Each structure stands twice: as C-alpha cells, then as structure tokens.
Amino acid sequence: MKCNVCSEDKELNQFQTYWHSTQQKVRTRKQCTKCLYHIKLKRKNPDMYYENNPNYHKCNTCKDWKLKDKFYINTKDKIYSHRCRACTRELDHNKRREYLEQSCGSDLVKLKPNQYTDKYQKECTFNLMQQLGYTFDEPTGIWIKEGWKEIKDGKAFFPKINKPKRNIYEGKIN
C-alpha cells in the first residue's frame, strides 16, 4: 500500500487499522504509522517536533521554525545564524533607513542642482539652506538670499550693518 504523505510503498502491517463505528467495519489509515505519528506530534507540540528534526532551525526574531536552507550559514564554523534570511533582510533594511535618516541621506551627491539621491537628503538640504537664510525659488529652482549690500552712487553701501562710531580723540567706541 502507498502512503499518501511520504509516497512510499510499504507493507500493510506498517499502517494502522481501526474500528469505524458508523460504518461498522475495520478500516486502514492511508498514512503509514511513522507519518501519522509525526503529523500528530507536529499538531500537538510543534516545538518538540521541529526541535528533534535536524532539517529545521528556529528563528529568534520571528520565533518560527523553518527549514535550514532559509538561514544564512557561517562558512568558517558551519553554524546557522539565529535569524532567518527574511528577518535579517528586514532588520538590515530598517538599520539602513534609520542611518539615512540620521545622516541626512546618502553620501552620493548628484552633479546637477536640485537632484537628490533620496528624500532624506532633500529634506536635510532644504532644512540647512533655510537655517542659513536662503529661500528656494520654485519656478527657477534656485536658492536665493537677500543681499547685504546695495550700490549707491557707484559705491557699496551696507544698510543692515550698524557700524559703531569711533571717537578719534578718546579712542573709545560709542
């Protein structure tokens, strides 16, 4: 008889028989005794089943039992990592995103103006330029800062800078 779980041909004595109360006859299970045992053990206590199974390993992050090929292997020591590949990728992605947020985006700077590698770089650039007193002109795409000097009668004049007057005779600043 062929087991419907492991698909192996086995003798009839390797299958369990039971009395079917409604049909009033002896029936034979379609799973071999070994497969049936593993199915029941897996259902009752999955940790015990997987713990004894050499093909499975438990992820410490998601607390799920997975096949060993779902984990990274330390090639030097031939030890499986404690985190599955999916959890490792997600953790690395979160760390990279957090690093970009804290360090004002990517280190790569585009050559042309107003092109940014990511949104964090653009946010930090706009924040810095506004702190320095620049305003961004949307239509032209240029940062503009109000000037400090004006030209009057061909000479530079600084209206926003108040220079103290010096008293020549006393050497003091008023």
N, C-alpha and C. Protein backbone atom coordinates (compact mmCIF):
# COMPACT_ATOMS: atom_id res chain seq x y z
N MET A 1 0.84 -1.18 0.00
CA MET A 1 0.00 0.00 0.00
C MET A 1 0.89 1.25 0.00
N LYS A 2 0.42 2.31 -0.62
CA LYS A 2 1.21 3.54 -0.76
C LYS A 2 0.73 4.58 0.25
N CYS A 3 1.69 5.16 0.99
CA CYS A 3 1.38 6.20 1.97
C CYS A 3 1.10 7.51 1.23
N ASN A 4 0.03 8.22 1.63
CA ASN A 4 -0.28 9.46 0.91
C ASN A 4 0.50 10.66 1.43
N VAL A 5 1.35 10.49 2.45
CA VAL A 5 2.18 11.58 2.96
C VAL A 5 3.60 11.48 2.40
N CYS A 6 4.23 10.35 2.61
CA CYS A 6 5.62 10.18 2.15
C CYS A 6 5.70 9.54 0.77
N SER A 7 4.60 9.09 0.22
CA SER A 7 4.51 8.49 -1.13
C SER A 7 5.41 7.26 -1.30
N GLU A 8 5.61 6.49 -0.26
CA GLU A 8 6.42 5.27 -0.33
C GLU A 8 5.50 4.06 -0.28
N ASP A 9 5.89 3.02 -1.03
CA ASP A 9 5.15 1.76 -0.96
C ASP A 9 5.63 0.99 0.25
N LYS A 10 4.68 0.64 1.14
CA LYS A 10 5.03 -0.07 2.36
C LYS A 10 4.07 -1.25 2.54
N GLU A 11 4.47 -2.15 3.42
CA GLU A 11 3.63 -3.32 3.70
C GLU A 11 2.42 -2.90 4.53
N LEU A 12 1.40 -3.70 4.47
CA LEU A 12 0.14 -3.40 5.14
C LEU A 12 0.29 -3.33 6.67
N ASN A 13 1.27 -4.06 7.23
CA ASN A 13 1.45 -4.04 8.68
C ASN A 13 2.07 -2.72 9.19
N GLN A 14 2.52 -1.85 8.28
CA GLN A 14 3.07 -0.55 8.67
C GLN A 14 1.99 0.54 8.68
N PHE A 15 0.75 0.15 8.49
CA PHE A 15 -0.37 1.09 8.52
C PHE A 15 -1.27 0.72 9.69
N GLN A 16 -1.86 1.71 10.32
CA GLN A 16 -2.74 1.46 11.46
C GLN A 16 -4.13 1.07 10.98
N THR A 17 -4.75 0.17 11.73
CA THR A 17 -6.15 -0.19 11.47
C THR A 17 -6.99 0.25 12.66
N TYR A 18 -8.23 0.55 12.38
CA TYR A 18 -9.12 1.00 13.45
C TYR A 18 -10.55 0.59 13.13
N TRP A 19 -11.35 0.53 14.16
CA TRP A 19 -12.75 0.18 14.00
C TRP A 19 -13.55 1.45 13.75
N HIS A 20 -14.23 1.50 12.61
CA HIS A 20 -15.06 2.63 12.25
C HIS A 20 -16.46 2.38 12.79
N SER A 21 -16.89 3.20 13.75
CA SER A 21 -18.15 2.92 14.46
C SER A 21 -19.39 3.15 13.62
N THR A 22 -19.39 4.11 12.73
CA THR A 22 -20.59 4.34 11.91
C THR A 22 -20.69 3.34 10.76
N GLN A 23 -19.55 2.98 10.18
CA GLN A 23 -19.59 2.02 9.07
C GLN A 23 -19.57 0.58 9.57
N GLN A 24 -19.27 0.41 10.83
CA GLN A 24 -19.25 -0.90 11.47
C GLN A 24 -18.30 -1.88 10.76
N LYS A 25 -17.08 -1.39 10.53
CA LYS A 25 -16.07 -2.28 9.95
C LYS A 25 -14.67 -1.77 10.27
N VAL A 26 -13.68 -2.61 10.05
CA VAL A 26 -12.28 -2.26 10.30
C VAL A 26 -11.75 -1.50 9.09
N ARG A 27 -11.13 -0.34 9.37
CA ARG A 27 -10.57 0.48 8.29
C ARG A 27 -9.06 0.56 8.45
N THR A 28 -8.36 0.85 7.37
CA THR A 28 -6.90 1.04 7.39
C THR A 28 -6.62 2.50 7.02
N ARG A 29 -5.76 3.12 7.81
CA ARG A 29 -5.42 4.53 7.54
C ARG A 29 -4.58 4.63 6.26
N LYS A 30 -4.65 5.78 5.62
CA LYS A 30 -3.90 5.99 4.37
C LYS A 30 -2.49 6.52 4.62
N GLN A 31 -2.22 6.91 5.88
CA GLN A 31 -0.87 7.33 6.24
C GLN A 31 -0.19 6.19 6.99
N CYS A 32 1.09 6.00 6.73
CA CYS A 32 1.81 4.96 7.47
C CYS A 32 1.94 5.40 8.93
N THR A 33 2.26 4.48 9.78
CA THR A 33 2.32 4.75 11.22
C THR A 33 3.35 5.83 11.53
N LYS A 34 4.49 5.80 10.85
CA LYS A 34 5.54 6.79 11.08
C LYS A 34 5.05 8.20 10.72
N CYS A 35 4.45 8.36 9.55
CA CYS A 35 3.96 9.67 9.11
C CYS A 35 2.82 10.15 10.01
N LEU A 36 1.96 9.25 10.40
CA LEU A 36 0.84 9.60 11.27
C LEU A 36 1.35 10.10 12.62
N TYR A 37 2.38 9.43 13.14
CA TYR A 37 2.98 9.85 14.40
C TYR A 37 3.54 11.27 14.29
N HIS A 38 4.26 11.53 13.21
CA HIS A 38 4.85 12.86 13.01
C HIS A 38 3.78 13.93 12.84
N ILE A 39 2.71 13.61 12.16
CA ILE A 39 1.63 14.57 11.97
C ILE A 39 0.98 14.91 13.32
N LYS A 40 0.72 13.91 14.13
CA LYS A 40 0.11 14.14 15.43
C LYS A 40 1.04 14.90 16.35
N LEU A 41 2.31 14.53 16.36
CA LEU A 41 3.30 15.20 17.20
C LEU A 41 3.44 16.66 16.77
N LYS A 42 3.44 16.89 15.49
CA LYS A 42 3.56 18.25 14.96
C LYS A 42 2.36 19.10 15.36
N ARG A 43 1.17 18.50 15.35
CA ARG A 43 -0.05 19.22 15.71
C ARG A 43 -0.09 19.54 17.20
N LYS A 44 0.28 18.57 18.03
CA LYS A 44 0.19 18.75 19.48
C LYS A 44 1.26 19.72 20.00
N ASN A 45 2.49 19.51 19.61
CA ASN A 45 3.58 20.35 20.11
C ASN A 45 4.58 20.57 18.98
N PRO A 46 4.38 21.61 18.21
CA PRO A 46 5.28 21.81 17.06
C PRO A 46 6.73 22.02 17.46
N ASP A 47 6.97 22.63 18.63
CA ASP A 47 8.36 22.85 19.05
C ASP A 47 9.09 21.54 19.26
N MET A 48 8.44 20.56 19.88
CA MET A 48 9.09 19.26 20.09
C MET A 48 9.37 18.56 18.77
N TYR A 49 8.42 18.67 17.84
CA TYR A 49 8.62 18.01 16.55
C TYR A 49 9.80 18.63 15.82
N TYR A 50 9.83 19.93 15.73
CA TYR A 50 10.90 20.60 14.99
C TYR A 50 12.23 20.54 15.72
N GLU A 51 12.16 20.55 17.05
CA GLU A 51 13.38 20.52 17.84
C GLU A 51 14.17 19.24 17.60
N ASN A 52 13.47 18.16 17.42
CA ASN A 52 14.12 16.87 17.18
C ASN A 52 14.42 16.62 15.71
N ASN A 53 13.89 17.45 14.86
CA ASN A 53 14.10 17.27 13.43
C ASN A 53 15.36 18.03 13.00
N PRO A 54 16.35 17.34 12.43
CA PRO A 54 17.61 18.01 12.08
C PRO A 54 17.50 18.95 10.88
N ASN A 55 16.40 18.92 10.15
CA ASN A 55 16.26 19.78 8.97
C ASN A 55 15.67 21.14 9.31
N TYR A 56 15.28 21.36 10.56
CA TYR A 56 14.63 22.61 10.94
C TYR A 56 15.47 23.38 11.96
N HIS A 57 15.29 24.70 11.94
CA HIS A 57 16.00 25.60 12.84
C HIS A 57 15.03 26.70 13.25
N LYS A 58 15.12 27.19 14.47
CA LYS A 58 14.18 28.19 14.96
C LYS A 58 14.78 29.59 14.86
N CYS A 59 14.00 30.53 14.32
CA CYS A 59 14.42 31.93 14.20
C CYS A 59 14.14 32.63 15.53
N ASN A 60 15.14 33.33 16.07
CA ASN A 60 14.97 34.02 17.34
C ASN A 60 14.13 35.29 17.22
N THR A 61 14.03 35.84 16.02
CA THR A 61 13.27 37.07 15.83
C THR A 61 11.78 36.80 15.66
N CYS A 62 11.42 35.97 14.69
CA CYS A 62 10.00 35.69 14.42
C CYS A 62 9.49 34.47 15.20
N LYS A 63 10.37 33.78 15.90
CA LYS A 63 10.01 32.60 16.72
C LYS A 63 9.33 31.51 15.91
N ASP A 64 9.72 31.36 14.66
CA ASP A 64 9.11 30.37 13.78
C ASP A 64 10.15 29.33 13.40
N TRP A 65 9.71 28.09 13.27
CA TRP A 65 10.59 27.01 12.83
C TRP A 65 10.59 26.98 11.32
N LYS A 66 11.79 26.98 10.71
CA LYS A 66 11.90 26.98 9.26
C LYS A 66 12.98 25.99 8.84
N LEU A 67 12.93 25.61 7.58
CA LEU A 67 13.97 24.73 7.05
C LEU A 67 15.32 25.43 7.14
N LYS A 68 16.38 24.65 7.28
CA LYS A 68 17.71 25.22 7.47
C LYS A 68 18.20 26.01 6.26
N ASP A 69 17.64 25.72 5.07
CA ASP A 69 18.09 26.47 3.90
C ASP A 69 17.52 27.90 3.88
N LYS A 70 16.66 28.24 4.85
CA LYS A 70 16.11 29.60 4.99
C LYS A 70 16.98 30.46 5.91
N PHE A 71 18.13 29.94 6.34
CA PHE A 71 19.03 30.65 7.23
C PHE A 71 20.38 30.85 6.56
N TYR A 72 21.10 31.90 6.96
CA TYR A 72 22.47 32.10 6.50
C TYR A 72 23.39 31.19 7.28
N ILE A 73 24.50 30.79 6.66
CA ILE A 73 25.45 29.89 7.31
C ILE A 73 26.79 30.60 7.45
N ASN A 74 27.39 30.50 8.62
CA ASN A 74 28.74 30.99 8.83
C ASN A 74 29.68 29.98 8.20
N THR A 75 30.33 30.35 7.11
CA THR A 75 31.13 29.39 6.34
C THR A 75 32.34 28.90 7.14
N LYS A 76 32.86 29.71 8.02
CA LYS A 76 34.03 29.30 8.79
C LYS A 76 33.69 28.20 9.79
N ASP A 77 32.63 28.42 10.57
CA ASP A 77 32.28 27.48 11.64
C ASP A 77 31.17 26.51 11.26
N LYS A 78 30.54 26.71 10.09
CA LYS A 78 29.42 25.89 9.62
C LYS A 78 28.27 25.91 10.63
N ILE A 79 27.98 27.12 11.15
CA ILE A 79 26.91 27.31 12.11
C ILE A 79 25.81 28.14 11.45
N TYR A 80 24.56 27.76 11.69
CA TYR A 80 23.44 28.54 11.14
C TYR A 80 23.20 29.77 12.01
N SER A 81 22.82 30.86 11.37
CA SER A 81 22.56 32.09 12.12
C SER A 81 21.30 31.92 12.97
N HIS A 82 21.12 32.80 13.93
CA HIS A 82 19.97 32.72 14.83
C HIS A 82 18.75 33.43 14.25
N ARG A 83 18.94 34.11 13.12
CA ARG A 83 17.86 34.86 12.49
C ARG A 83 17.68 34.35 11.07
N CYS A 84 16.43 34.13 10.65
CA CYS A 84 16.19 33.65 9.28
C CYS A 84 16.52 34.75 8.27
N ARG A 85 16.63 34.38 7.02
CA ARG A 85 17.01 35.34 5.98
C ARG A 85 16.02 36.48 5.86
N ALA A 86 14.73 36.19 5.94
CA ALA A 86 13.71 37.24 5.81
C ALA A 86 13.83 38.26 6.94
N CYS A 87 14.00 37.78 8.17
CA CYS A 87 14.13 38.69 9.32
C CYS A 87 15.44 39.48 9.24
N THR A 88 16.51 38.83 8.76
CA THR A 88 17.79 39.51 8.62
C THR A 88 17.69 40.62 7.59
N ARG A 89 17.05 40.34 6.45
CA ARG A 89 16.88 41.38 5.42
C ARG A 89 16.05 42.55 5.94
N GLU A 90 14.99 42.24 6.66
CA GLU A 90 14.13 43.31 7.18
C GLU A 90 14.88 44.16 8.21
N LEU A 91 15.64 43.52 9.08
CA LEU A 91 16.40 44.23 10.09
C LEU A 91 17.47 45.12 9.43
N ASP A 92 18.18 44.58 8.43
CA ASP A 92 19.19 45.37 7.73
C ASP A 92 18.57 46.55 6.99
N HIS A 93 17.40 46.32 6.39
CA HIS A 93 16.70 47.40 5.69
C HIS A 93 16.32 48.52 6.66
N ASN A 94 15.82 48.15 7.83
CA ASN A 94 15.45 49.14 8.84
C ASN A 94 16.66 49.91 9.36
N LYS A 95 17.79 49.21 9.57
CA LYS A 95 19.01 49.86 10.04
C LYS A 95 19.52 50.85 9.00
N ARG A 96 19.50 50.44 7.71
CA ARG A 96 19.96 51.35 6.65
C ARG A 96 19.06 52.59 6.56
N ARG A 97 17.74 52.38 6.65
CA ARG A 97 16.82 53.51 6.57
C ARG A 97 17.03 54.46 7.76
N GLU A 98 17.23 53.90 8.94
CA GLU A 98 17.47 54.72 10.13
C GLU A 98 18.78 55.49 10.00
N TYR A 99 19.81 54.85 9.46
CA TYR A 99 21.09 55.52 9.25
C TYR A 99 20.93 56.68 8.26
N LEU A 100 20.19 56.47 7.17
CA LEU A 100 19.98 57.54 6.20
C LEU A 100 19.21 58.70 6.81
N GLU A 101 18.26 58.42 7.67
CA GLU A 101 17.50 59.48 8.33
C GLU A 101 18.40 60.31 9.24
N GLN A 102 19.29 59.64 9.97
CA GLN A 102 20.14 60.34 10.93
C GLN A 102 21.31 61.05 10.26
N SER A 103 21.77 60.56 9.13
CA SER A 103 22.95 61.15 8.48
C SER A 103 22.58 62.02 7.28
N CYS A 104 21.33 62.43 7.20
CA CYS A 104 20.85 63.31 6.12
C CYS A 104 21.00 62.68 4.75
N GLY A 105 20.67 61.44 4.63
CA GLY A 105 20.62 60.79 3.33
C GLY A 105 21.93 60.20 2.88
N SER A 106 21.97 59.87 1.62
CA SER A 106 23.11 59.17 1.05
C SER A 106 24.32 60.09 0.94
N ASP A 107 25.51 59.49 0.94
CA ASP A 107 26.74 60.27 0.76
C ASP A 107 26.93 60.67 -0.70
N LEU A 108 26.24 60.02 -1.59
CA LEU A 108 26.34 60.33 -3.01
C LEU A 108 25.61 61.63 -3.29
N VAL A 109 26.31 62.59 -3.93
CA VAL A 109 25.72 63.89 -4.28
C VAL A 109 25.68 63.99 -5.78
N LYS A 110 24.51 64.32 -6.30
CA LYS A 110 24.34 64.46 -7.75
C LYS A 110 25.07 65.70 -8.25
N LEU A 111 25.52 65.67 -9.50
CA LEU A 111 26.24 66.80 -10.07
C LEU A 111 25.32 67.97 -10.41
N LYS A 112 24.14 67.69 -10.90
CA LYS A 112 23.23 68.75 -11.28
C LYS A 112 22.47 69.24 -10.05
N PRO A 113 22.14 70.54 -10.01
CA PRO A 113 21.42 71.06 -8.85
C PRO A 113 19.99 70.53 -8.79
N ASN A 114 19.45 70.53 -7.59
CA ASN A 114 18.09 70.09 -7.30
C ASN A 114 17.81 68.64 -7.67
N GLN A 115 18.83 67.80 -7.66
CA GLN A 115 18.65 66.36 -7.82
C GLN A 115 19.23 65.71 -6.57
N TYR A 116 18.43 64.87 -5.96
CA TYR A 116 18.81 64.26 -4.69
C TYR A 116 18.71 62.74 -4.81
N THR A 117 19.57 62.04 -4.09
CA THR A 117 19.57 60.57 -4.16
C THR A 117 18.39 59.97 -3.41
N ASP A 118 17.92 60.64 -2.34
CA ASP A 118 16.77 60.13 -1.60
C ASP A 118 16.07 61.29 -0.90
N LYS A 119 14.92 61.01 -0.31
CA LYS A 119 14.10 62.07 0.30
C LYS A 119 14.78 62.66 1.53
N TYR A 120 15.60 61.88 2.24
CA TYR A 120 16.26 62.39 3.44
C TYR A 120 17.29 63.44 3.07
N GLN A 121 18.01 63.22 1.97
CA GLN A 121 19.00 64.18 1.51
C GLN A 121 18.32 65.50 1.13
N LYS A 122 17.18 65.42 0.48
CA LYS A 122 16.45 66.63 0.07
C LYS A 122 15.94 67.38 1.31
N GLU A 123 15.37 66.66 2.27
CA GLU A 123 14.86 67.30 3.49
C GLU A 123 15.98 68.01 4.25
N CYS A 124 17.11 67.36 4.40
CA CYS A 124 18.22 67.97 5.14
C CYS A 124 18.79 69.18 4.40
N THR A 125 18.87 69.09 3.07
CA THR A 125 19.38 70.21 2.28
C THR A 125 18.46 71.42 2.43
N PHE A 126 17.16 71.20 2.31
CA PHE A 126 16.21 72.30 2.45
C PHE A 126 16.25 72.88 3.86
N ASN A 127 16.37 72.03 4.87
CA ASN A 127 16.43 72.48 6.25
C ASN A 127 17.68 73.34 6.48
N LEU A 128 18.84 72.90 6.02
CA LEU A 128 20.09 73.63 6.19
C LEU A 128 20.04 74.98 5.47
N MET A 129 19.59 74.97 4.23
CA MET A 129 19.57 76.22 3.46
C MET A 129 18.61 77.23 4.08
N GLN A 130 17.49 76.79 4.61
CA GLN A 130 16.55 77.70 5.26
C GLN A 130 17.13 78.24 6.56
N GLN A 131 17.90 77.42 7.29
CA GLN A 131 18.56 77.88 8.51
C GLN A 131 19.61 78.95 8.19
N LEU A 132 20.24 78.84 7.02
CA LEU A 132 21.24 79.83 6.61
C LEU A 132 20.61 81.10 6.04
N GLY A 133 19.30 81.11 5.89
CA GLY A 133 18.62 82.31 5.45
C GLY A 133 18.27 82.33 3.97
N TYR A 134 18.47 81.23 3.28
CA TYR A 134 18.14 81.16 1.86
C TYR A 134 16.68 80.77 1.68
N THR A 135 16.10 81.21 0.57
CA THR A 135 14.75 80.78 0.20
C THR A 135 14.83 80.12 -1.17
N PHE A 136 13.98 79.12 -1.37
CA PHE A 136 14.01 78.37 -2.62
C PHE A 136 12.97 78.94 -3.57
N ASP A 137 13.41 79.31 -4.76
CA ASP A 137 12.51 79.83 -5.78
C ASP A 137 12.08 78.65 -6.65
N GLU A 138 10.80 78.24 -6.52
CA GLU A 138 10.27 77.06 -7.23
C GLU A 138 10.38 77.15 -8.75
N PRO A 139 9.95 78.27 -9.38
CA PRO A 139 9.98 78.28 -10.85
C PRO A 139 11.39 78.15 -11.44
N THR A 140 12.36 78.79 -10.81
CA THR A 140 13.72 78.73 -11.36
C THR A 140 14.53 77.60 -10.76
N GLY A 141 14.16 77.15 -9.57
CA GLY A 141 14.90 76.08 -8.91
C GLY A 141 16.21 76.58 -8.33
N ILE A 142 16.25 77.84 -7.92
CA ILE A 142 17.48 78.45 -7.41
C ILE A 142 17.26 78.90 -5.97
N TRP A 143 18.31 78.74 -5.15
CA TRP A 143 18.27 79.23 -3.78
C TRP A 143 18.67 80.70 -3.81
N ILE A 144 17.90 81.55 -3.13
CA ILE A 144 18.14 83.00 -3.15
C ILE A 144 18.28 83.48 -1.72
N LYS A 145 19.25 84.40 -1.53
CA LYS A 145 19.40 85.02 -0.22
C LYS A 145 19.44 86.53 -0.43
N GLU A 146 18.72 87.23 0.42
CA GLU A 146 18.69 88.68 0.31
C GLU A 146 20.09 89.23 0.54
N GLY A 147 20.48 90.17 -0.26
CA GLY A 147 21.86 90.70 -0.19
C GLY A 147 22.12 91.57 1.01
N TRP A 148 23.40 91.75 1.34
CA TRP A 148 23.81 92.58 2.46
C TRP A 148 24.16 93.99 2.02
N LYS A 149 24.49 94.11 0.76
CA LYS A 149 24.93 95.44 0.33
C LYS A 149 24.06 95.93 -0.82
N GLU A 150 24.04 97.25 -0.95
CA GLU A 150 23.36 97.91 -2.04
C GLU A 150 24.36 98.86 -2.69
N ILE A 151 24.16 99.14 -3.94
CA ILE A 151 25.04 100.06 -4.66
C ILE A 151 24.35 101.43 -4.71
N LYS A 152 25.01 102.42 -4.13
CA LYS A 152 24.52 103.80 -4.17
C LYS A 152 25.64 104.70 -4.67
N ASP A 153 25.34 105.43 -5.73
CA ASP A 153 26.31 106.35 -6.32
C ASP A 153 27.61 105.64 -6.69
N GLY A 154 27.49 104.37 -7.13
CA GLY A 154 28.66 103.62 -7.58
C GLY A 154 29.48 103.03 -6.45
N LYS A 155 29.05 103.18 -5.21
CA LYS A 155 29.78 102.65 -4.06
C LYS A 155 28.91 101.65 -3.31
N ALA A 156 29.58 100.70 -2.63
CA ALA A 156 28.85 99.70 -1.85
C ALA A 156 28.37 100.32 -0.55
N PHE A 157 27.13 100.08 -0.23
CA PHE A 157 26.53 100.59 0.99
C PHE A 157 25.88 99.40 1.71
N PHE A 158 26.17 99.25 3.00
CA PHE A 158 25.64 98.16 3.81
C PHE A 158 24.58 98.70 4.77
N PRO A 159 23.30 98.65 4.35
CA PRO A 159 22.28 99.25 5.21
C PRO A 159 21.96 98.44 6.46
N LYS A 160 22.19 97.16 6.48
CA LYS A 160 21.80 96.32 7.62
C LYS A 160 22.90 96.19 8.67
N ILE A 161 24.06 96.70 8.38
CA ILE A 161 25.16 96.59 9.33
C ILE A 161 25.34 97.95 10.00
N ASN A 162 25.18 97.97 11.30
CA ASN A 162 25.37 99.20 12.06
C ASN A 162 26.80 99.26 12.54
N LYS A 163 27.56 100.24 12.02
CA LYS A 163 28.95 100.39 12.46
C LYS A 163 28.98 101.39 13.61
N PRO A 164 29.65 101.03 14.67
CA PRO A 164 29.76 102.00 15.77
C PRO A 164 30.67 103.17 15.37
N LYS A 165 30.33 104.32 15.85
CA LYS A 165 31.16 105.49 15.56
C LYS A 165 32.29 105.54 16.56
N ARG A 166 33.47 105.92 16.08
CA ARG A 166 34.64 105.98 16.95
C ARG A 166 34.96 107.45 17.26
N ASN A 167 35.28 107.61 18.46
CA ASN A 167 35.72 108.94 18.87
C ASN A 167 37.23 108.96 18.69
N ILE A 168 37.69 109.72 17.78
CA ILE A 168 39.11 109.73 17.42
C ILE A 168 39.96 110.20 18.59
N TYR A 169 39.48 111.17 19.34
CA TYR A 169 40.30 111.78 20.38
C TYR A 169 40.40 110.89 21.61
N GLU A 170 39.36 110.15 21.96
CA GLU A 170 39.39 109.38 23.18
C GLU A 170 39.71 107.90 22.92
N GLY A 171 39.60 107.42 21.69
CA GLY A 171 39.91 106.04 21.38
C GLY A 171 38.80 105.07 21.82
N LYS A 172 37.63 105.59 22.12
CA LYS A 172 36.52 104.78 22.57
C LYS A 172 35.51 104.60 21.45
N ILE A 173 34.75 103.55 21.57
CA ILE A 173 33.68 103.27 20.61
C ILE A 173 32.36 103.66 21.27
N ASN A 174 31.60 104.49 20.58
CA ASN A 174 30.31 104.91 21.13
C ASN A 174 29.23 103.94 20.75
